[in-house]
Every structure is written in structure tokens, then in C-alpha cells.
Amino acid sequence: MHRKSAYILFLAVLGLLVIGIVMLFSTSAFARDSHGDVYFFIKRQSIWFGIGLAVCIFVALIDYHFWQRTWWLWFALALLALMLCYFPPLGMRINGSRRWVGVGQLTFQPSEVAKIAAIFFLAAWFSRYEKAGNNVTYGFLVPIAIISLLAGLVLGEVDLGTTALLGATAFVVMFVAGANPLWLGIISFAGLGAILVIATQMSERMGRLSAFLHPQNFKEDAGLQQMQALIAWGSGGMEGLGLGNGRQKMLYLPYAHTDFIFPIIGEELGLRFSLLVVFLFVTIIVCGIMIALHAKDRFGLLLGCGVVSLLALQAAVNIGVTTSLLPNKGLPLPFISYGGSNLVMCLFGIGLLLNIYRQGILEPPHKKRGTVQVRMTPRI
């Protein structure tokens, strides 16, 4: 299974990318009304796809230990980029949140860089301090404090979903590294409680929570997206209405091309294709875990687990939101939703997994450098 995991991973990612391009073409049919060009989203996503593919190939070819040696650089760049969000005109305020940095039409979300930088730091830290799992200072307090620098800046952008995703990914890596589960559980509940308290102090976020608990009472405002998403699921049924025949994308479902593209898949292609998307994500998770477990060193193991948990959690949250199992968080569906920053960083993560696979195949864990293996001939 491990020998073929990279090939299966590649095919699963390719399948999601193809579905994403096809559905983006379908959902962008009404882009002429807002952008003057029916191919606006396709053109921009194609450019980002080319950039992401080049990044994926480059990362797959370079030794992943490069990121272990330079983690501090990427962490510093992530901090700087996140701080730029607060300083216009580079920092752009869209829909009440400061999540973007850019000039003119070229924009990106620094929080995407922060996710990868956090994984680099944690993998490098716990590779250096292998036995720090039960040490309160080095195994818990210091990593949490450093990750909080990134999480705090993301939280200040009014991006609670990405903050929770960043924290959850960090806890998964720390758990795999051997951190005390009791400490992680305590800080997890404390962090979740803090996010809920902050959400109750913001009218928009409180509206989303209320809409999640009482959807029928908020179906015209805060719960509009999720109610229209449920209508899309119900309209599609098992077979779907046919590619391009969906109705919710006709300005009934806001952001049908980004955060809520999954219900459009269900409406136009039916439950079978929707389950195929879920199956492809499960395949990526299984193959990614297989690659991480066969990494040749501890850094590769933690790096692979971090990338897999990041992709898995983001996909799970998006699917949970669009099926009304979770409150609206505003996270895109990896490889499918429109958005250049997220697409490039997801392909960056796939490149890391492919490189971990290559290094593990070239030098398996039991063949350490500088050692000589002796074959023992059994006595007859």
C-alpha cells in the first residue's frame, strides 16, 4: 500500500481539481453580472492553478529538511504578512474582515502562509526536543505561546474559523509528538470557550450561531446560505439536475463558487458525486497518513501529519457547514472552491507529502546513514 500511496494520492488530488474546475465553470455562469466576464473566475483560478502546480513540483523535488532549517524565516514572513493586514492600503478590508493583502487585482490571504509556517515550527521544534512531551515548558507552554502569536493576529482579522483550524492542527501535531493529552484537552476546551465568548460579542458571529441553532427563524438573513444549501441538496437528490442546470447558483445561494460550492455539486451532479468528493478526501487522508508513518525521520512524520490534519480538518469543516452540521465558518473546500491563496497552499502541502514519500523510498527508516546492515544466516 505504501509503495502506491503517492500515486493514489496524486490521482485523488487530480480528481478533486478536475471537479473543482468543472463546477467553477458551472457556478461562474452569472459572473457577467458582477464582473463583466462569464469566464472571470475560470481565468483567475487557472492562473493560480498554474502557480500552484509549479509550487507543488518544486516542493516535491527539494529535500523537505530545507523547511526544517529555515522554519524561522517562514514563521517571520507569516507574522509580517499578517501584520500587513492591519495597515491599508496593503491590508484590504472586505466584508468586515481584514484577511487580505494585495495591490490592485493581486491579493492573497496571509493566514494561508501562517498555517504552513505553524506546521514547520511545530515539526522542527518537536524534532529537536524529542523527549519534551511530558515537559510542561518545552513540550507545552513554549509551543503554545509561539503558535499564539500567529493565532492572535488571525483572530484580530475577525477570522474565527481559521483561528480554530490553526489551533486544531497545532494540537494534532503536538499530540502526535507526544504532548500530554490532558494539557491539550484543557487548553482545547479553554480555547473553544474563548472563541465562543468572542463570537457572542460580535453581532454577525452571534447571528450565525443563532441561525445554526434556530435555522427557521433566520432563513432570510444570517441563515440564508445554509438554508439555500439545504434546498440545493434536496433539489439534487440522488441523480442531480444535470451539470449546469442548478438553480441555487442563480444568485439565490451567496458565494456559490467559494465556500458553498459543495451544495452545488450535490444539486447538479447528485448524491453520488457528492459522496465521490468525500471519498477522494478520505483517500487523501489515508494516503497522507501512510506517507507520514513511513517517513525516514521524526520531522517528516510530524510534517506529514500536520499537512494531512490541515487538509482533513478544513474539508470536514466546510462539508459540515454546507450540510448544516456546523455553524457557518467561511472556510473554502480544498482543491475545489475558488480562491488562489488556498489552492496554492493546498498544492504546496501535497508537494511536501510527495517529497516525504520520495525521501522515505530512497532511504527507508531502518537504513540509517553511516550504518552497515549485517545479514544473519540461520543455522540449519
Protein backbone atom coordinates (compact mmCIF):
# COMPACT_ATOMS: atom_id res chain seq x y z
CA MET A 1 0.00 0.00 0.00
CA HIS A 2 2.78 2.43 0.93
CA ARG A 3 4.57 1.86 -2.38
CA LYS A 4 1.49 3.06 -4.27
CA SER A 5 0.29 5.70 -1.79
CA ALA A 6 1.87 8.64 -3.66
CA TYR A 7 0.28 7.59 -6.96
CA ILE A 8 -3.13 7.14 -5.36
CA LEU A 9 -2.72 10.50 -3.60
CA PHE A 10 -1.89 12.20 -6.90
CA LEU A 11 -4.93 10.69 -8.63
CA ALA A 12 -7.25 11.72 -5.78
CA VAL A 13 -5.98 15.31 -5.83
CA LEU A 14 -6.25 15.39 -9.63
CA GLY A 15 -9.84 14.19 -9.38
CA LEU A 16 -10.74 16.98 -6.95
CA LEU A 17 -9.03 19.59 -9.12
CA VAL A 18 -10.96 18.45 -12.20
CA ILE A 19 -14.26 18.53 -10.30
CA GLY A 20 -13.36 21.97 -8.97
CA ILE A 21 -12.64 23.42 -12.43
CA VAL A 22 -15.81 21.91 -13.91
CA MET A 23 -18.02 23.17 -11.07
CA LEU A 24 -16.38 26.58 -11.08
CA PHE A 25 -17.18 26.85 -14.78
CA SER A 26 -20.79 25.97 -13.95
CA THR A 27 -21.17 28.34 -10.99
CA SER A 28 -19.48 31.25 -12.77
CA ALA A 29 -22.16 31.39 -15.45
CA PHE A 30 -23.53 34.55 -13.81
CA ALA A 31 -20.19 36.27 -13.32
CA ARG A 32 -21.05 38.64 -16.17
CA ASP A 33 -23.49 40.44 -13.87
CA SER A 34 -20.83 41.23 -11.24
CA HIS A 35 -17.52 41.17 -13.17
CA GLY A 36 -18.49 41.71 -16.79
CA ASP A 37 -16.95 38.43 -17.96
CA VAL A 38 -18.53 34.99 -17.75
CA TYR A 39 -15.04 33.44 -17.65
CA PHE A 40 -13.71 35.75 -14.94
CA PHE A 41 -13.40 33.12 -12.19
CA ILE A 42 -12.13 30.41 -14.56
CA LYS A 43 -9.35 32.65 -15.88
CA ARG A 44 -8.12 33.67 -12.44
CA GLN A 45 -8.38 30.18 -11.00
CA SER A 46 -6.46 28.79 -13.98
CA ILE A 47 -3.61 31.22 -13.31
CA TRP A 48 -3.49 30.23 -9.65
CA PHE A 49 -3.68 26.58 -10.62
CA GLY A 50 -0.60 27.01 -12.81
CA ILE A 51 1.24 28.74 -9.97
CA GLY A 52 0.17 26.06 -7.51
CA LEU A 53 1.24 23.26 -9.82
CA ALA A 54 4.69 24.83 -10.25
CA VAL A 55 4.98 25.24 -6.48
CA CYS A 56 3.90 21.62 -5.94
CA ILE A 57 6.53 20.30 -8.34
CA PHE A 58 9.26 22.47 -6.81
CA VAL A 59 8.40 21.40 -3.25
CA ALA A 60 8.21 17.75 -4.30
CA LEU A 61 11.75 17.91 -5.69
CA ILE A 62 13.51 19.84 -2.92
CA ASP A 63 14.53 17.97 0.26
CA TYR A 64 11.90 18.63 2.94
CA HIS A 65 14.65 19.17 5.53
CA PHE A 66 15.13 22.57 3.89
CA TRP A 67 11.96 23.67 5.66
CA GLN A 68 13.30 22.33 8.96
CA ARG A 69 16.39 24.50 8.68
CA THR A 70 14.52 27.63 7.59
CA TRP A 71 11.31 27.37 9.60
CA TRP A 72 12.12 30.61 11.45
CA LEU A 73 12.24 32.52 8.16
CA TRP A 74 8.79 31.38 7.05
CA PHE A 75 7.41 32.00 10.54
CA ALA A 76 8.75 35.56 10.44
CA LEU A 77 7.32 36.11 6.94
CA ALA A 78 3.93 34.85 8.13
CA LEU A 79 3.98 37.26 11.08
CA LEU A 80 4.93 40.16 8.83
CA ALA A 81 2.26 39.32 6.26
CA LEU A 82 -0.40 39.01 8.95
CA MET A 83 0.56 42.38 10.41
CA LEU A 84 0.28 44.00 6.98
CA CYS A 85 -3.43 43.10 7.01
CA TYR A 86 -3.93 45.85 9.60
CA PHE A 87 -2.23 48.59 7.56
CA PRO A 88 -4.06 49.91 4.50
CA PRO A 89 -3.73 50.24 1.59
CA LEU A 90 -1.84 46.93 1.52
CA GLY A 91 -4.25 45.48 4.07
CA MET A 92 -7.68 45.17 2.50
CA ARG A 93 -10.95 45.14 4.42
CA ILE A 94 -13.58 43.02 2.69
CA ASN A 95 -16.98 42.11 4.18
CA GLY A 96 -15.94 43.46 7.56
CA SER A 97 -12.74 41.39 7.86
CA ARG A 98 -9.08 42.26 7.29
CA ARG A 99 -7.91 38.97 5.81
CA TRP A 100 -6.31 40.08 2.55
CA VAL A 101 -3.11 41.77 1.49
CA GLY A 102 -2.62 42.93 -2.06
CA VAL A 103 -2.08 45.55 -4.71
CA GLY A 104 -4.81 46.09 -7.29
CA GLN A 105 -6.18 42.79 -8.57
CA LEU A 106 -3.37 40.73 -6.99
CA THR A 107 -4.43 39.68 -3.50
CA PHE A 108 -3.73 36.80 -1.14
CA GLN A 109 -4.58 35.70 2.40
CA PRO A 110 -1.58 35.69 4.78
CA SER A 111 -3.43 33.24 7.04
CA GLU A 112 -2.73 30.53 4.44
CA VAL A 113 1.02 31.10 4.90
CA ALA A 114 0.52 31.12 8.68
CA LYS A 115 -0.96 27.60 8.60
CA ILE A 116 2.10 26.13 6.86
CA ALA A 117 4.51 28.20 8.99
CA ALA A 118 2.91 26.83 12.16
CA ILE A 119 3.38 23.26 10.94
CA PHE A 120 7.03 23.97 10.05
CA PHE A 121 7.68 25.35 13.52
CA LEU A 122 5.99 22.54 15.44
CA ALA A 123 7.62 19.79 13.37
CA ALA A 124 11.07 21.38 13.78
CA TRP A 125 10.55 22.08 17.49
CA PHE A 126 9.46 18.59 18.47
CA SER A 127 12.14 17.08 16.25
CA ARG A 128 14.72 18.98 18.23
CA TYR A 129 13.14 18.23 21.61
CA GLU A 130 12.07 14.64 21.07
CA LYS A 131 11.57 13.84 24.74
CA ALA A 132 9.85 17.07 25.69
CA GLY A 133 6.34 15.59 25.59
CA ASN A 134 5.97 15.42 29.37
CA ASN A 135 7.91 18.62 30.00
CA VAL A 136 5.48 21.46 30.76
CA THR A 137 7.80 24.19 29.49
CA TYR A 138 9.27 22.76 26.29
CA GLY A 139 6.50 20.30 25.49
CA PHE A 140 3.55 22.60 26.02
CA LEU A 141 3.95 26.22 27.17
CA VAL A 142 6.61 27.40 24.72
CA PRO A 143 4.99 25.86 21.58
CA ILE A 144 1.56 27.17 22.60
CA ALA A 145 2.96 30.65 23.23
CA ILE A 146 4.70 30.81 19.85
CA ILE A 147 1.70 29.49 17.93
CA SER A 148 -0.48 32.02 19.78
CA LEU A 149 1.43 34.81 18.02
CA LEU A 150 0.03 33.65 14.70
CA ALA A 151 -3.39 32.72 16.08
CA GLY A 152 -3.77 36.10 17.78
CA LEU A 153 -3.11 38.03 14.57
CA VAL A 154 -5.54 35.81 12.63
CA LEU A 155 -8.16 36.26 15.34
CA GLY A 156 -7.74 40.04 15.11
CA GLU A 157 -8.70 39.84 11.44
CA VAL A 158 -12.09 38.58 12.66
CA ASP A 159 -11.42 35.13 11.23
CA LEU A 160 -12.62 32.76 13.94
CA GLY A 161 -12.79 29.76 11.61
CA THR A 162 -9.15 29.94 10.53
CA THR A 163 -8.10 30.59 14.13
CA ALA A 164 -9.86 27.42 15.27
CA LEU A 165 -8.40 25.49 12.30
CA LEU A 166 -4.89 26.70 13.11
CA GLY A 167 -5.26 25.72 16.76
CA ALA A 168 -6.76 22.31 15.99
CA THR A 169 -3.96 21.49 13.52
CA ALA A 170 -1.34 22.54 16.07
CA PHE A 171 -2.90 20.29 18.72
CA VAL A 172 -2.91 17.32 16.35
CA VAL A 173 0.81 17.77 15.65
CA MET A 174 1.55 18.19 19.36
CA PHE A 175 -0.46 15.07 20.18
CA VAL A 176 1.45 13.03 17.61
CA ALA A 177 4.70 14.47 19.00
CA GLY A 178 3.83 13.11 22.44
CA ALA A 179 2.45 16.13 24.29
CA ASN A 180 0.36 15.35 27.36
CA PRO A 181 -3.26 14.72 26.19
CA LEU A 182 -4.62 16.14 29.46
CA TRP A 183 -2.95 19.50 28.88
CA LEU A 184 -4.10 19.55 25.27
CA GLY A 185 -7.65 18.75 26.33
CA ILE A 186 -7.72 21.53 28.92
CA ILE A 187 -6.35 24.17 26.55
CA SER A 188 -8.69 22.95 23.78
CA PHE A 189 -11.79 23.48 25.91
CA ALA A 190 -10.44 26.81 27.13
CA GLY A 191 -9.73 27.97 23.58
CA LEU A 192 -13.13 26.83 22.32
CA GLY A 193 -14.80 28.65 25.20
CA ALA A 194 -12.82 31.81 24.43
CA ILE A 195 -13.83 31.70 20.76
CA LEU A 196 -17.49 31.27 21.73
CA VAL A 197 -17.28 34.21 24.13
CA ILE A 198 -15.70 36.39 21.45
CA ALA A 199 -18.34 35.27 18.94
CA THR A 200 -21.15 36.31 21.30
CA GLN A 201 -19.68 39.81 21.41
CA MET A 202 -19.88 40.20 17.61
CA SER A 203 -23.32 40.71 16.14
CA GLU A 204 -22.53 38.97 12.85
CA ARG A 205 -20.97 35.89 14.51
CA MET A 206 -23.76 35.76 17.09
CA GLY A 207 -26.24 35.82 14.24
CA ARG A 208 -24.52 32.80 12.67
CA LEU A 209 -24.68 30.88 15.94
CA SER A 210 -28.35 31.76 16.38
CA ALA A 211 -29.06 30.75 12.79
CA PHE A 212 -27.36 27.41 13.39
CA LEU A 213 -29.46 26.73 16.49
CA HIS A 214 -32.74 28.08 15.05
CA PRO A 215 -32.42 27.99 11.24
CA GLN A 216 -36.11 28.56 10.53
CA ASN A 217 -36.06 31.88 12.40
CA PHE A 218 -33.09 33.28 10.44
CA LYS A 219 -33.62 31.83 6.97
CA GLU A 220 -33.87 35.30 5.40
CA ASP A 221 -30.65 36.77 6.85
CA ALA A 222 -27.93 35.04 8.90
CA GLY A 223 -29.11 31.53 7.96
CA LEU A 224 -29.77 32.27 4.28
CA GLN A 225 -26.70 30.44 2.97
CA GLN A 226 -27.27 27.24 4.88
CA MET A 227 -31.00 27.17 4.13
CA GLN A 228 -30.36 27.64 0.41
CA ALA A 229 -27.66 24.96 0.61
CA LEU A 230 -30.19 22.52 2.07
CA ILE A 231 -32.59 23.38 -0.74
CA ALA A 232 -29.82 22.61 -3.22
CA TRP A 233 -29.19 19.22 -1.59
CA GLY A 234 -32.89 18.41 -1.67
CA SER A 235 -33.28 19.50 -5.29
CA GLY A 236 -30.36 17.39 -6.48
CA GLY A 237 -31.41 14.15 -4.90
CA MET A 238 -29.55 11.02 -5.95
CA GLU A 239 -29.04 11.76 -9.66
CA GLY A 240 -28.84 15.56 -9.69
CA LEU A 241 -30.43 18.08 -12.02
CA GLY A 242 -27.61 17.81 -14.55
CA LEU A 243 -24.38 19.72 -14.98
CA GLY A 244 -25.16 23.41 -15.48
CA ASN A 245 -28.86 23.03 -14.59
CA GLY A 246 -28.59 24.07 -10.95
CA ARG A 247 -30.83 26.92 -9.78
CA GLN A 248 -29.24 27.98 -6.49
CA LYS A 249 -26.21 29.46 -8.26
CA MET A 250 -28.57 31.95 -9.93
CA LEU A 251 -27.83 34.43 -7.13
CA TYR A 252 -30.01 32.53 -4.64
CA LEU A 253 -27.04 31.00 -2.80
CA PRO A 254 -24.37 33.60 -1.94
CA TYR A 255 -20.74 32.59 -2.56
CA ALA A 256 -21.77 29.50 -4.53
CA HIS A 257 -18.36 29.46 -6.20
CA THR A 258 -16.30 29.64 -2.99
CA ASP A 259 -17.40 28.43 0.44
CA PHE A 260 -20.68 26.86 -0.74
CA ILE A 261 -19.64 25.11 -3.92
CA PHE A 262 -20.23 21.67 -2.37
CA PRO A 263 -24.06 22.02 -2.31
CA ILE A 264 -23.96 22.99 -6.00
CA ILE A 265 -22.16 19.70 -6.68
CA GLY A 266 -24.99 17.93 -4.88
CA GLU A 267 -27.65 19.87 -6.76
CA GLU A 268 -26.25 19.40 -10.26
CA LEU A 269 -24.44 16.05 -10.01
CA GLY A 270 -26.39 14.39 -7.22
CA LEU A 271 -25.55 12.49 -4.07
CA ARG A 272 -23.29 10.02 -5.88
CA PHE A 273 -20.80 12.67 -6.98
CA SER A 274 -21.01 14.32 -3.56
CA LEU A 275 -20.02 11.03 -1.93
CA LEU A 276 -17.27 10.68 -4.53
CA VAL A 277 -15.83 14.01 -3.35
CA VAL A 278 -15.93 12.79 0.25
CA PHE A 279 -14.30 9.51 -0.80
CA LEU A 280 -11.48 11.38 -2.57
CA PHE A 281 -10.80 13.40 0.58
CA VAL A 282 -10.76 10.21 2.65
CA THR A 283 -8.32 8.72 0.14
CA ILE A 284 -6.03 11.74 0.50
CA ILE A 285 -6.17 11.43 4.29
CA VAL A 286 -5.38 7.70 4.28
CA CYS A 287 -2.54 8.04 1.75
CA GLY A 288 -1.15 11.06 3.58
CA ILE A 289 -1.12 9.23 6.90
CA MET A 290 0.54 6.24 5.22
CA ILE A 291 3.25 8.50 3.81
CA ALA A 292 3.80 10.24 7.15
CA LEU A 293 4.07 6.96 9.05
CA HIS A 294 6.77 5.75 6.65
CA ALA A 295 8.80 8.97 6.82
CA LYS A 296 12.51 8.39 7.40
CA ASP A 297 12.70 10.67 10.46
CA ARG A 298 10.67 12.40 13.12
CA PHE A 299 10.47 15.73 11.28
CA GLY A 300 8.97 14.03 8.22
CA LEU A 301 6.42 12.24 10.40
CA LEU A 302 5.28 15.44 12.14
CA LEU A 303 5.34 17.47 8.93
CA GLY A 304 3.23 14.91 7.09
CA CYS A 305 0.73 14.62 9.96
CA GLY A 306 0.43 18.40 10.09
CA VAL A 307 -0.32 18.71 6.37
CA VAL A 308 -2.84 15.86 6.44
CA SER A 309 -4.64 17.22 9.51
CA LEU A 310 -4.79 20.70 7.97
CA LEU A 311 -6.41 19.43 4.76
CA ALA A 312 -8.69 16.99 6.59
CA LEU A 313 -9.97 19.49 9.15
CA GLN A 314 -10.60 22.18 6.55
CA ALA A 315 -12.54 19.79 4.34
CA ALA A 316 -14.51 18.43 7.30
CA VAL A 317 -15.48 21.93 8.48
CA ASN A 318 -16.58 23.03 5.00
CA ILE A 319 -18.66 19.89 4.47
CA GLY A 320 -20.10 20.24 7.97
CA VAL A 321 -21.07 23.87 7.36
CA THR A 322 -22.66 23.27 3.95
CA THR A 323 -24.74 20.39 5.35
CA SER A 324 -25.82 22.45 8.41
CA LEU A 325 -23.90 20.23 10.85
CA LEU A 326 -21.72 23.16 11.94
CA PRO A 327 -22.17 26.95 12.20
CA ASN A 328 -21.08 28.97 9.21
CA LYS A 329 -17.27 29.41 9.35
CA GLY A 330 -16.33 30.70 5.92
CA LEU A 331 -13.65 28.10 5.11
CA PRO A 332 -13.21 27.00 1.47
CA LEU A 333 -13.29 23.40 0.29
CA PRO A 334 -9.69 22.40 -0.55
CA PHE A 335 -8.85 21.97 -4.27
CA ILE A 336 -12.45 22.77 -5.32
CA SER A 337 -13.52 26.21 -4.05
CA TYR A 338 -12.50 29.35 -5.88
CA GLY A 339 -9.55 31.05 -4.21
CA GLY A 340 -5.93 31.31 -5.28
CA SER A 341 -4.23 31.52 -1.88
CA ASN A 342 -5.87 28.39 -0.55
CA LEU A 343 -5.34 26.43 -3.78
CA VAL A 344 -1.62 27.24 -3.89
CA MET A 345 -1.05 26.35 -0.24
CA CYS A 346 -3.02 23.09 -0.58
CA LEU A 347 -0.84 22.09 -3.55
CA PHE A 348 2.19 23.17 -1.51
CA GLY A 349 1.12 20.66 1.15
CA ILE A 350 0.69 17.92 -1.45
CA GLY A 351 4.21 18.67 -2.69
CA LEU A 352 5.50 18.20 0.86
CA LEU A 353 3.80 14.80 1.13
CA LEU A 354 5.23 13.69 -2.22
CA ASN A 355 8.72 14.71 -1.11
CA ILE A 356 8.35 12.86 2.19
CA TYR A 357 7.34 9.82 0.15
CA ARG A 358 10.34 10.16 -2.16
CA GLN A 359 12.76 10.51 0.76
CA GLY A 360 11.18 7.55 2.55
CA ILE A 361 11.50 5.35 -0.54
CA LEU A 362 15.10 6.39 -1.23
CA GLU A 363 16.15 5.92 2.39
CA PRO A 364 13.76 3.81 4.48
CA PRO A 365 13.67 4.43 8.25
CA HIS A 366 15.66 1.25 9.09
CA LYS A 367 18.57 2.23 6.81
CA LYS A 368 20.33 4.99 8.69
CA ARG A 369 23.24 6.84 7.22
CA GLY A 370 26.65 5.66 8.35
CA THR A 371 25.48 2.19 9.41
CA VAL A 372 26.15 -1.21 7.91
CA GLN A 373 23.50 -3.89 7.82
CA VAL A 374 24.61 -7.45 8.56
CA ARG A 375 22.52 -10.31 7.30
CA MET A 376 22.37 -13.25 9.70
CA THR A 377 22.32 -16.67 8.13
CA PRO A 378 20.18 -19.03 10.19
CA ARG A 379 21.75 -22.24 11.39
CA ILE A 380 20.48 -25.46 9.92
